PDB file of N, CA and C in Angstrom:
ATOM      1  N   MET A   1     -27.578 -35.762 -13.743  1.00  0.00           N
ATOM      2  CA  MET A   1     -25.550 -35.765 -13.478  1.00  0.00           C
ATOM      3  C   MET A   1     -25.909 -35.264 -12.779  1.00  0.00           C
ATOM      4  N   ARG A   2     -25.561 -34.207 -11.411  1.00  0.00           N
ATOM      5  CA  ARG A   2     -25.373 -33.364 -10.834  1.00  0.00           C
ATOM      6  C   ARG A   2     -24.072 -32.920 -11.202  1.00  0.00           C
ATOM      7  N   MET A   3     -24.053 -30.954 -11.595  1.00  0.00           N
ATOM      8  CA  MET A   3     -23.552 -30.281 -11.424  1.00  0.00           C
ATOM      9  C   MET A   3     -22.979 -29.921 -10.640  1.00  0.00           C
ATOM     10  N   GLU A   4     -21.551 -29.757  -9.927  1.00  0.00           N
ATOM     11  CA  GLU A   4     -21.073 -29.869  -8.795  1.00  0.00           C
ATOM     12  C   GLU A   4     -20.275 -28.201  -8.829  1.00  0.00           C
ATOM     13  N   THR A   5     -20.900 -27.121  -7.539  1.00  0.00           N
ATOM     14  CA  THR A   5     -20.743 -25.719  -8.163  1.00  0.00           C
ATOM     15  C   THR A   5     -19.464 -25.312  -7.052  1.00  0.00           C
ATOM     16  N   ARG A   6     -18.258 -25.177  -7.433  1.00  0.00           N
ATOM     17  CA  ARG A   6     -17.032 -24.941  -6.261  1.00  0.00           C
ATOM     18  C   ARG A   6     -17.025 -22.951  -6.389  1.00  0.00           C
ATOM     19  N   ARG A   7     -16.864 -23.159  -4.763  1.00  0.00           N
ATOM     20  CA  ARG A   7     -17.490 -21.422  -4.993  1.00  0.00           C
ATOM     21  C   ARG A   7     -16.084 -21.189  -3.998  1.00  0.00           C
ATOM     22  N   ALA A   8     -15.646 -19.862  -4.078  1.00  0.00           N
ATOM     23  CA  ALA A   8     -14.001 -19.738  -2.835  1.00  0.00           C
ATOM     24  C   ALA A   8     -13.873 -20.148  -2.200  1.00  0.00           C
ATOM     25  N   GLN A   9     -12.927 -20.487  -1.658  1.00  0.00           N
ATOM     26  CA  GLN A   9     -12.931 -20.924  -0.143  1.00  0.00           C
ATOM     27  C   GLN A   9     -12.910 -18.705   0.449  1.00  0.00           C
ATOM     28  N   ARG A  10     -13.386 -18.487   1.352  1.00  0.00           N
ATOM     29  CA  ARG A  10     -13.631 -17.495   2.111  1.00  0.00           C
ATOM     30  C   ARG A  10     -13.302 -17.581   3.426  1.00  0.00           C
ATOM     31  N   LEU A  11     -12.277 -16.523   3.714  1.00  0.00           N
ATOM     32  CA  LEU A  11     -11.608 -15.864   4.748  1.00  0.00           C
ATOM     33  C   LEU A  11     -12.465 -14.829   5.838  1.00  0.00           C
ATOM     34  N   LEU A  12     -12.801 -15.183   6.935  1.00  0.00           N
ATOM     35  CA  LEU A  12     -13.822 -14.441   7.653  1.00  0.00           C
ATOM     36  C   LEU A  12     -12.317 -13.524   8.383  1.00  0.00           C
ATOM     37  N   LEU A  13     -11.671 -12.120   7.534  1.00  0.00           N
ATOM     38  CA  LEU A  13     -11.460 -11.421   7.998  1.00  0.00           C
ATOM     39  C   LEU A  13     -12.858  -9.986   8.098  1.00  0.00           C
ATOM     40  N   SER A  14     -11.831  -8.963   9.576  1.00  0.00           N
ATOM     41  CA  SER A  14     -12.307  -7.508   9.680  1.00  0.00           C
ATOM     42  C   SER A  14     -11.507  -6.996   9.652  1.00  0.00           C
ATOM     43  N   VAL A  15     -11.620  -6.240   8.128  1.00  0.00           N
ATOM     44  CA  VAL A  15     -10.958  -5.297   8.054  1.00  0.00           C
ATOM     45  C   VAL A  15     -11.619  -3.804   7.879  1.00  0.00           C
ATOM     46  N   PRO A  16     -10.573  -2.695   7.428  1.00  0.00           N
ATOM     47  CA  PRO A  16     -11.737  -1.335   7.385  1.00  0.00           C
ATOM     48  C   PRO A  16     -11.990  -1.776   5.501  1.00  0.00           C
ATOM     49  N   ILE A  17     -13.303  -0.991   4.576  1.00  0.00           N
ATOM     50  CA  ILE A  17     -13.260  -1.262   3.728  1.00  0.00           C
ATOM     51  C   ILE A  17     -13.788   0.439   3.132  1.00  0.00           C
ATOM     52  N   SER A  18     -13.343   0.412   2.070  1.00  0.00           N
ATOM     53  CA  SER A  18     -14.464   1.922   1.308  1.00  0.00           C
ATOM     54  C   SER A  18     -14.479   1.463   0.282  1.00  0.00           C
ATOM     55  N   TYR A  19     -15.799   1.962   0.119  1.00  0.00           N
ATOM     56  CA  TYR A  19     -16.811   1.594  -0.905  1.00  0.00           C
ATOM     57  C   TYR A  19     -17.396   2.968  -2.041  1.00  0.00           C
ATOM     58  N   ARG A  20     -17.311   3.276  -2.624  1.00  0.00           N
ATOM     59  CA  ARG A  20     -18.158   4.163  -3.887  1.00  0.00           C
ATOM     60  C   ARG A  20     -19.002   3.588  -5.160  1.00  0.00           C
ATOM     61  N   THR A  21     -20.395   4.053  -5.367  1.00  0.00           N
ATOM     62  CA  THR A  21     -19.954   3.318  -6.268  1.00  0.00           C
ATOM     63  C   THR A  21     -19.129   4.621  -7.999  1.00  0.00           C
ATOM     64  N   PRO A  22     -18.933   4.057  -9.269  1.00  0.00           N
ATOM     65  CA  PRO A  22     -18.003   4.913  -9.941  1.00  0.00           C
ATOM     66  C   PRO A  22     -18.177   5.881 -10.476  1.00  0.00           C
ATOM     67  N   GLY A  23     -18.074   7.098 -10.109  1.00  0.00           N
ATOM     68  CA  GLY A  23     -17.772   8.441 -10.835  1.00  0.00           C
ATOM     69  C   GLY A  23     -17.831   9.324  -9.799  1.00  0.00           C
ATOM     70  N   ASP A  24     -18.778   8.572  -7.986  1.00  0.00           N
ATOM     71  CA  ASP A  24     -18.615  10.039  -7.046  1.00  0.00           C
ATOM     72  C   ASP A  24     -17.461  10.297  -6.399  1.00  0.00           C
ATOM     73  N   ASP A  25     -17.659  11.271  -5.820  1.00  0.00           N
ATOM     74  CA  ASP A  25     -16.228  11.843  -5.303  1.00  0.00           C
ATOM     75  C   ASP A  25     -16.689  10.869  -3.942  1.00  0.00           C
ATOM     76  N   GLU A  26     -17.346  10.974  -3.571  1.00  0.00           N
ATOM     77  CA  GLU A  26     -17.547  10.541  -1.629  1.00  0.00           C
ATOM     78  C   GLU A  26     -17.024   8.981  -1.634  1.00  0.00           C
ATOM     79  N   TRP A  27     -15.746   8.392  -0.591  1.00  0.00           N
ATOM     80  CA  TRP A  27     -16.176   6.744  -0.485  1.00  0.00           C
ATOM     81  C   TRP A  27     -16.845   6.544   1.068  1.00  0.00           C
ATOM     82  N   LEU A  28     -17.281   5.311   1.064  1.00  0.00           N
ATOM     83  CA  LEU A  28     -18.058   4.803   2.194  1.00  0.00           C
ATOM     84  C   LEU A  28     -17.327   4.025   3.382  1.00  0.00           C
ATOM     85  N   SER A  29     -17.445   3.659   3.989  1.00  0.00           N
ATOM     86  CA  SER A  29     -17.143   3.105   5.024  1.00  0.00           C
ATOM     87  C   SER A  29     -17.108   1.888   5.790  1.00  0.00           C
ATOM     88  N   GLY A  30     -16.848   0.975   5.843  1.00  0.00           N
ATOM     89  CA  GLY A  30     -17.320  -0.132   6.601  1.00  0.00           C
ATOM     90  C   GLY A  30     -16.749  -1.341   7.157  1.00  0.00           C
ATOM     91  N   ARG A  31     -16.552  -2.203   6.710  1.00  0.00           N
ATOM     92  CA  ARG A  31     -15.436  -3.376   7.396  1.00  0.00           C
ATOM     93  C   ARG A  31     -16.052  -4.909   6.571  1.00  0.00           C
ATOM     94  N   VAL A  32     -15.128  -5.360   6.455  1.00  0.00           N
ATOM     95  CA  VAL A  32     -15.435  -6.716   5.630  1.00  0.00           C
ATOM     96  C   VAL A  32     -15.431  -7.995   6.937  1.00  0.00           C
ATOM     97  N   ARG A  33     -16.600  -8.790   6.226  1.00  0.00           N
ATOM     98  CA  ARG A  33     -17.010  -9.830   6.938  1.00  0.00           C
ATOM     99  C   ARG A  33     -16.120 -10.934   6.668  1.00  0.00           C
ATOM    100  N   ASN A  34     -16.283 -11.288   5.550  1.00  0.00           N
ATOM    101  CA  ASN A  34     -15.645 -12.556   4.364  1.00  0.00           C
ATOM    102  C   ASN A  34     -14.786 -11.875   3.009  1.00  0.00           C
ATOM    103  N   ILE A  35     -14.235 -12.960   2.857  1.00  0.00           N
ATOM    104  CA  ILE A  35     -13.668 -12.106   1.478  1.00  0.00           C
ATOM    105  C   ILE A  35     -12.604 -14.217   1.479  1.00  0.00           C
ATOM    106  N   SER A  36     -13.109 -13.259  -0.156  1.00  0.00           N
ATOM    107  CA  SER A  36     -12.232 -14.796  -1.237  1.00  0.00           C
ATOM    108  C   SER A  36     -11.306 -14.227  -2.554  1.00  0.00           C
ATOM    109  N   GLU A  37     -10.836 -14.564  -3.129  1.00  0.00           N
ATOM    110  CA  GLU A  37     -10.198 -13.982  -4.526  1.00  0.00           C
ATOM    111  C   GLU A  37     -11.662 -13.535  -5.614  1.00  0.00           C
ATOM    112  N   SER A  38     -12.762 -14.471  -5.141  1.00  0.00           N
ATOM    113  CA  SER A  38     -13.550 -13.001  -6.396  1.00  0.00           C
ATOM    114  C   SER A  38     -15.110 -12.326  -5.081  1.00  0.00           C
ATOM    115  N   GLY A  39     -13.919 -12.622  -4.523  1.00  0.00           N
ATOM    116  CA  GLY A  39     -15.654 -11.244  -3.682  1.00  0.00           C
ATOM    117  C   GLY A  39     -15.358 -10.806  -2.614  1.00  0.00           C
ATOM    118  N   VAL A  40     -16.153 -10.103  -1.962  1.00  0.00           N
ATOM    119  CA  VAL A  40     -16.012  -9.489  -0.504  1.00  0.00           C
ATOM    120  C   VAL A  40     -16.873  -9.536   0.301  1.00  0.00           C
ATOM    121  N   MET A  41     -18.024  -9.514   1.175  1.00  0.00           N
ATOM    122  CA  MET A  41     -19.028  -9.051   1.972  1.00  0.00           C
ATOM    123  C   MET A  41     -18.198  -8.442   3.148  1.00  0.00           C
ATOM    124  N   PHE A  42     -19.172  -7.104   3.424  1.00  0.00           N
ATOM    125  CA  PHE A  42     -19.339  -6.456   4.083  1.00  0.00           C
ATOM    126  C   PHE A  42     -20.319  -5.211   4.846  1.00  0.00           C
ATOM    127  N   ALA A  43     -19.661  -4.605   5.842  1.00  0.00           N
ATOM    128  CA  ALA A  43     -21.541  -3.830   5.974  1.00  0.00           C
ATOM    129  C   ALA A  43     -21.204  -2.539   6.783  1.00  0.00           C
ATOM    130  N   PRO A  44     -21.323  -1.793   6.494  1.00  0.00           N
ATOM    131  CA  PRO A  44     -22.724  -1.229   6.622  1.00  0.00           C
ATOM    132  C   PRO A  44     -22.219  -0.766   5.379  1.00  0.00           C
ATOM    133  N   ALA A  45     -23.802  -1.394   4.457  1.00  0.00           N
ATOM    134  CA  ALA A  45     -24.256  -1.126   2.844  1.00  0.00           C
ATOM    135  C   ALA A  45     -25.756  -1.057   2.693  1.00  0.00           C
ATOM    136  N   ASP A  46     -25.650   0.543   1.937  1.00  0.00           N
ATOM    137  CA  ASP A  46     -26.862   0.871   1.408  1.00  0.00           C
ATOM    138  C   ASP A  46     -26.721   0.893  -0.376  1.00  0.00           C
ATOM    139  N   LEU A  47     -27.064  -0.524  -0.269  1.00  0.00           N
ATOM    140  CA  LEU A  47     -27.165  -0.579  -1.931  1.00  0.00           C
ATOM    141  C   LEU A  47     -28.036  -1.727  -2.638  1.00  0.00           C
ATOM    142  N   ARG A  48     -27.764  -1.588  -4.295  1.00  0.00           N
ATOM    143  CA  ARG A  48     -28.806  -2.619  -3.988  1.00  0.00           C
ATOM    144  C   ARG A  48     -27.766  -3.595  -5.874  1.00  0.00           C
ATOM    145  N   VAL A  49     -28.434  -5.028  -5.461  1.00  0.00           N
ATOM    146  CA  VAL A  49     -28.129  -6.087  -5.928  1.00  0.00           C
ATOM    147  C   VAL A  49     -27.885  -5.270  -8.000  1.00  0.00           C
ATOM    148  N   GLY A  50     -27.213  -5.655  -7.986  1.00  0.00           N
ATOM    149  CA  GLY A  50     -26.625  -5.799  -9.442  1.00  0.00           C
ATOM    150  C   GLY A  50     -25.925  -4.635 -10.538  1.00  0.00           C
ATOM    151  N   GLN A  51     -25.537  -3.468  -8.949  1.00  0.00           N
ATOM    152  CA  GLN A  51     -25.155  -1.463  -8.545  1.00  0.00           C
ATOM    153  C   GLN A  51     -23.449  -2.267  -8.935  1.00  0.00           C
ATOM    154  N   GLU A  52     -22.633  -1.581  -9.914  1.00  0.00           N
ATOM    155  CA  GLU A  52     -21.605  -1.610  -9.508  1.00  0.00           C
ATOM    156  C   GLU A  52     -20.689  -0.283  -8.928  1.00  0.00           C
ATOM    157  N   ILE A  53     -19.773  -1.469  -8.485  1.00  0.00           N
ATOM    158  CA  ILE A  53     -18.989   0.049  -7.609  1.00  0.00           C
ATOM    159  C   ILE A  53     -17.090  -0.650  -7.480  1.00  0.00           C
ATOM    160  N   GLU A  54     -17.039   0.477  -6.976  1.00  0.00           N
ATOM    161  CA  GLU A  54     -15.781   0.315  -6.769  1.00  0.00           C
ATOM    162  C   GLU A  54     -15.085   0.587  -5.047  1.00  0.00           C
ATOM    163  N   VAL A  55     -13.916  -0.380  -5.280  1.00  0.00           N
ATOM    164  CA  VAL A  55     -13.795  -1.059  -3.597  1.00  0.00           C
ATOM    165  C   VAL A  55     -12.586  -0.680  -3.523  1.00  0.00           C
ATOM    166  N   ILE A  56     -11.585  -0.078  -2.124  1.00  0.00           N
ATOM    167  CA  ILE A  56     -10.072  -0.284  -1.486  1.00  0.00           C
ATOM    168  C   ILE A  56     -10.490  -0.526  -0.177  1.00  0.00           C
ATOM    169  N   LEU A  57      -9.613  -1.460  -0.032  1.00  0.00           N
ATOM    170  CA  LEU A  57      -9.519  -2.110   1.089  1.00  0.00           C
ATOM    171  C   LEU A  57      -7.247  -2.263   1.012  1.00  0.00           C
ATOM    172  N   SER A  58      -7.461  -3.079   2.740  1.00  0.00           N
ATOM    173  CA  SER A  58      -5.684  -3.792   2.362  1.00  0.00           C
ATOM    174  C   SER A  58      -5.826  -5.083   3.515  1.00  0.00           C
ATOM    175  N   THR A  59      -5.107  -6.085   2.168  1.00  0.00           N
ATOM    176  CA  THR A  59      -5.236  -7.295   3.242  1.00  0.00           C
ATOM    177  C   THR A  59      -4.461  -7.407   3.714  1.00  0.00           C
ATOM    178  N   PRO A  60      -4.170  -8.211   5.151  1.00  0.00           N
ATOM    179  CA  PRO A  60      -2.634  -8.125   6.038  1.00  0.00           C
ATOM    180  C   PRO A  60      -2.013  -9.390   5.632  1.00  0.00           C
ATOM    181  N   ILE A  61      -3.001 -10.332   4.425  1.00  0.00           N
ATOM    182  CA  ILE A  61      -2.385 -11.803   4.214  1.00  0.00           C
ATOM    183  C   ILE A  61      -2.868 -11.960   2.966  1.00  0.00           C
ATOM    184  N   PRO A  62      -1.935 -12.978   1.983  1.00  0.00           N
ATOM    185  CA  PRO A  62      -2.635 -13.284   1.005  1.00  0.00           C
ATOM    186  C   PRO A  62      -4.183 -14.053   1.199  1.00  0.00           C
ATOM    187  N   ILE A  63      -4.651 -13.649  -0.209  1.00  0.00           N
ATOM    188  CA  ILE A  63      -6.512 -14.201  -0.223  1.00  0.00           C
ATOM    189  C   ILE A  63      -5.871 -14.740  -1.017  1.00  0.00           C
ATOM    190  N   GLN A  64      -6.056 -16.586  -1.518  1.00  0.00           N
ATOM    191  CA  GLN A  64      -5.768 -17.326  -2.172  1.00  0.00           C
ATOM    192  C   GLN A  64      -4.415 -16.334  -3.307  1.00  0.00           C
ATOM    193  N   SER A  65      -5.090 -16.008  -4.395  1.00  0.00           N
ATOM    194  CA  SER A  65      -3.645 -15.621  -5.259  1.00  0.00           C
ATOM    195  C   SER A  65      -3.712 -13.701  -5.266  1.00  0.00           C
ATOM    196  N   ILE A  66      -4.073 -13.546  -4.410  1.00  0.00           N
ATOM    197  CA  ILE A  66      -4.404 -11.869  -4.605  1.00  0.00           C
ATOM    198  C   ILE A  66      -3.482 -11.697  -3.636  1.00  0.00           C
ATOM    199  N   ALA A  67      -2.411 -11.227  -3.416  1.00  0.00           N
ATOM    200  CA  ALA A  67      -0.641 -11.066  -2.772  1.00  0.00           C
ATOM    201  C   ALA A  67      -1.367  -9.970  -2.035  1.00  0.00           C
ATOM    202  N   ALA A  68      -0.728  -9.619  -0.375  1.00  0.00           N
ATOM    203  CA  ALA A  68      -1.250  -8.854   0.647  1.00  0.00           C
ATOM    204  C   ALA A  68      -1.166  -7.477  -0.087  1.00  0.00           C
ATOM    205  N   GLY A  69      -1.486  -6.362   0.824  1.00  0.00           N
ATOM    206  CA  GLY A  69      -1.377  -5.064   0.308  1.00  0.00           C
ATOM    207  C   GLY A  69      -2.552  -4.540   0.427  1.00  0.00           C
ATOM    208  N   GLN A  70      -2.678  -2.511  -0.074  1.00  0.00           N
ATOM    209  CA  GLN A  70      -3.539  -1.919  -0.489  1.00  0.00           C
ATOM    210  C   GLN A  70      -4.257  -1.854  -2.098  1.00  0.00           C
ATOM    211  N   LEU A  71      -5.458  -2.426  -2.698  1.00  0.00           N
ATOM    212  CA  LEU A  71      -5.373  -3.564  -3.265  1.00  0.00           C
ATOM    213  C   LEU A  71      -6.903  -2.286  -3.938  1.00  0.00           C
ATOM    214  N   PHE A  72      -7.097  -2.228  -4.511  1.00  0.00           N
ATOM    215  CA  PHE A  72      -8.485  -0.989  -5.471  1.00  0.00           C
ATOM    216  C   PHE A  72      -9.615  -2.360  -6.449  1.00  0.00           C
ATOM    217  N   PHE A  73     -10.209  -2.645  -6.384  1.00  0.00           N
ATOM    218  CA  PHE A  73     -11.318  -3.631  -6.839  1.00  0.00           C
ATOM    219  C   PHE A  73     -12.112  -2.376  -7.917  1.00  0.00           C
ATOM    220  N   SER A  74     -12.847  -2.896  -9.590  1.00  0.00           N
ATOM    221  CA  SER A  74     -14.109  -2.535  -9.825  1.00  0.00           C
ATOM    222  C   SER A  74     -14.735  -3.537  -9.479  1.00  0.00           C
ATOM    223  N   ALA A  75     -16.170  -4.421  -8.833  1.00  0.00           N
ATOM    224  CA  ALA A  75     -16.840  -4.538  -8.275  1.00  0.00           C
ATOM    225  C   ALA A  75     -18.171  -4.769  -8.493  1.00  0.00           C
ATOM    226  N   LYS A  76     -19.183  -5.715  -8.309  1.00  0.00           N
ATOM    227  CA  LYS A  76     -20.964  -5.540  -8.908  1.00  0.00           C
ATOM    228  C   LYS A  76     -21.091  -6.661  -7.633  1.00  0.00           C
ATOM    229  N   VAL A  77     -22.441  -5.931  -7.498  1.00  0.00           N
ATOM    230  CA  VAL A  77     -23.580  -6.317  -6.026  1.00  0.00           C
ATOM    231  C   VAL A  77     -23.879  -7.235  -6.608  1.00  0.00           C
ATOM    232  N   VAL A  78     -24.028  -8.629  -5.651  1.00  0.00           N
ATOM    233  CA  VAL A  78     -24.913  -9.925  -6.680  1.00  0.00           C
ATOM    234  C   VAL A  78     -25.769  -9.830  -5.090  1.00  0.00           C
ATOM    235  N   ARG A  79     -25.511  -9.559  -3.619  1.00  0.00           N
ATOM    236  CA  ARG A  79     -27.013 -10.406  -3.400  1.00  0.00           C
ATOM    237  C   ARG A  79     -26.122  -8.487  -1.487  1.00  0.00           C
ATOM    238  N   THR A  80     -26.878  -8.463  -1.353  1.00  0.00           N
ATOM    239  CA  THR A  80     -27.378  -7.559   0.319  1.00  0.00           C
ATOM    240  C   THR A  80     -28.163  -8.370   0.821  1.00  0.00           C
ATOM    241  N   GLY A  81     -28.370  -8.047   2.256  1.00  0.00           N
ATOM    242  CA  GLY A  81     -28.921  -8.267   3.607  1.00  0.00           C
ATOM    243  C   GLY A  81     -29.649  -7.335   4.072  1.00  0.00           C
ATOM    244  N   PRO A  82     -30.100  -8.012   5.397  1.00  0.00           N
ATOM    245  CA  PRO A  82     -31.250  -7.675   5.669  1.00  0.00           C
ATOM    246  C   PRO A  82     -30.101  -6.446   6.866  1.00  0.00           C
ATOM    247  N   ASP A  83     -29.613  -6.710   7.623  1.00  0.00           N
ATOM    248  CA  ASP A  83     -28.687  -6.509   8.302  1.00  0.00           C
ATOM    249  C   ASP A  83     -27.382  -5.213   7.930  1.00  0.00           C
ATOM    250  N   HIS A  84     -28.369  -4.691   6.548  1.00  0.00           N
ATOM    251  CA  HIS A  84     -26.996  -3.120   6.013  1.00  0.00           C
ATOM    252  C   HIS A  84     -25.702  -3.989   5.548  1.00  0.00           C
ATOM    253  N   SER A  85     -25.111  -5.771   5.352  1.00  0.00           N
ATOM    254  CA  SER A  85     -24.544  -5.870   4.133  1.00  0.00           C
ATOM    255  C   SER A  85     -24.478  -6.356   2.922  1.00  0.00           C
ATOM    256  N   ALA A  86     -23.580  -6.370   2.699  1.00  0.00           N
ATOM    257  CA  ALA A  86     -23.051  -6.956   1.207  1.00  0.00           C
ATOM    258  C   ALA A  86     -21.958  -7.522   0.305  1.00  0.00           C
ATOM    259  N   ALA A  87     -23.178  -7.774  -0.229  1.00  0.00           N
ATOM    260  CA  ALA A  87     -21.756  -8.660  -1.460  1.00  0.00           C
ATOM    261  C   ALA A  87     -21.465  -8.413  -2.892  1.00  0.00           C
ATOM    262  N   ALA A  88     -19.851  -8.516  -3.086  1.00  0.00           N
ATOM    263  CA  ALA A  88     -19.970  -8.614  -3.854  1.00  0.00           C
ATOM    264  C   ALA A  88     -19.430  -9.091  -4.861  1.00  0.00           C
ATOM    265  N   HIS A  89     -18.717  -9.617  -6.133  1.00  0.00           N
ATOM    266  CA  HIS A  89     -18.337 -10.347  -7.310  1.00  0.00           C
ATOM    267  C   HIS A  89     -17.386  -9.032  -7.573  1.00  0.00           C
ATOM    268  N   PHE A  90     -15.236 -10.041  -7.415  1.00  0.00           N
ATOM    269  CA  PHE A  90     -14.442  -8.057  -7.825  1.00  0.00           C
ATOM    270  C   PHE A  90     -14.713  -8.850  -9.410  1.00  0.00           C
ATOM    271  N   GLN A  91     -14.605  -8.085 -10.225  1.00  0.00           N
ATOM    272  CA  GLN A  91     -14.405  -7.767 -11.999  1.00  0.00           C
ATOM    273  C   GLN A  91     -13.340  -7.199 -12.349  1.00  0.00           C
ATOM    274  N   GLU A  92     -12.299  -7.107 -11.493  1.00  0.00           N
ATOM    275  CA  GLU A  92     -10.752  -6.488 -11.294  1.00  0.00           C
ATOM    276  C   GLU A  92      -9.873  -6.003 -10.312  1.00  0.00           C
ATOM    277  N   CYS A  93      -8.998  -6.029 -10.134  1.00  0.00           N
ATOM    278  CA  CYS A  93      -8.095  -6.014  -9.076  1.00  0.00           C
ATOM    279  C   CYS A  93      -6.748  -5.089  -9.284  1.00  0.00           C
ATOM    280  N   ARG A  94      -6.666  -4.620  -9.164  1.00  0.00           N
ATOM    281  CA  ARG A  94      -5.105  -3.666  -8.598  1.00  0.00           C
ATOM    282  C   ARG A  94      -4.501  -3.173  -7.854  1.00  0.00           C
ATOM    283  N   PHE A  95      -3.791  -3.663  -7.782  1.00  0.00           N
ATOM    284  CA  PHE A  95      -2.154  -2.980  -6.132  1.00  0.00           C
ATOM    285  C   PHE A  95      -2.428  -2.616  -6.063  1.00  0.00           C
ATOM    286  N   LEU A  96      -2.279  -1.039  -5.222  1.00  0.00           N
ATOM    287  CA  LEU A  96      -2.160   0.382  -5.033  1.00  0.00           C
ATOM    288  C   LEU A  96      -1.005   0.724  -4.393  1.00  0.00           C
ATOM    289  N   LEU A  97      -0.086   1.600  -5.594  1.00  0.00           N
ATOM    290  CA  LEU A  97       1.268   1.748  -5.171  1.00  0.00           C
ATOM    291  C   LEU A  97       2.073   3.063  -4.175  1.00  0.00           C
ATOM    292  N   GLY A  98       2.171   2.687  -3.317  1.00  0.00           N
ATOM    293  CA  GLY A  98       2.939   4.210  -2.405  1.00  0.00           C
ATOM    294  C   GLY A  98       1.874   5.061  -1.737  1.00  0.00           C
ATOM    295  N   THR A  99       1.098   4.360  -1.210  1.00  0.00           N
ATOM    296  CA  THR A  99      -0.312   4.883   0.066  1.00  0.00           C
ATOM    297  C   THR A  99       0.388   4.232   1.123  1.00  0.00           C
TER     298      THR A  99
END
């Protein structure tokens, strides 16, 4: 018997993204390629698999259970590409108010 693994529905969305490793003062910039309620793929990024990152982005529309607005995520890099892209799995999500 084969078990089916469901992936979260991905949305192609090109919006700015800021990211950094926890504790860094400098935020780096990129663009989202696609996003789901469980993670994001973006570029450019010079990151390694397993690296913890913090992400800020604004979604103009809801992404499944995540409401639209400016959001802060704690995430972990799960994949990188030869085109300097990175995919990160969300671990925590918070709304940024008054920004």
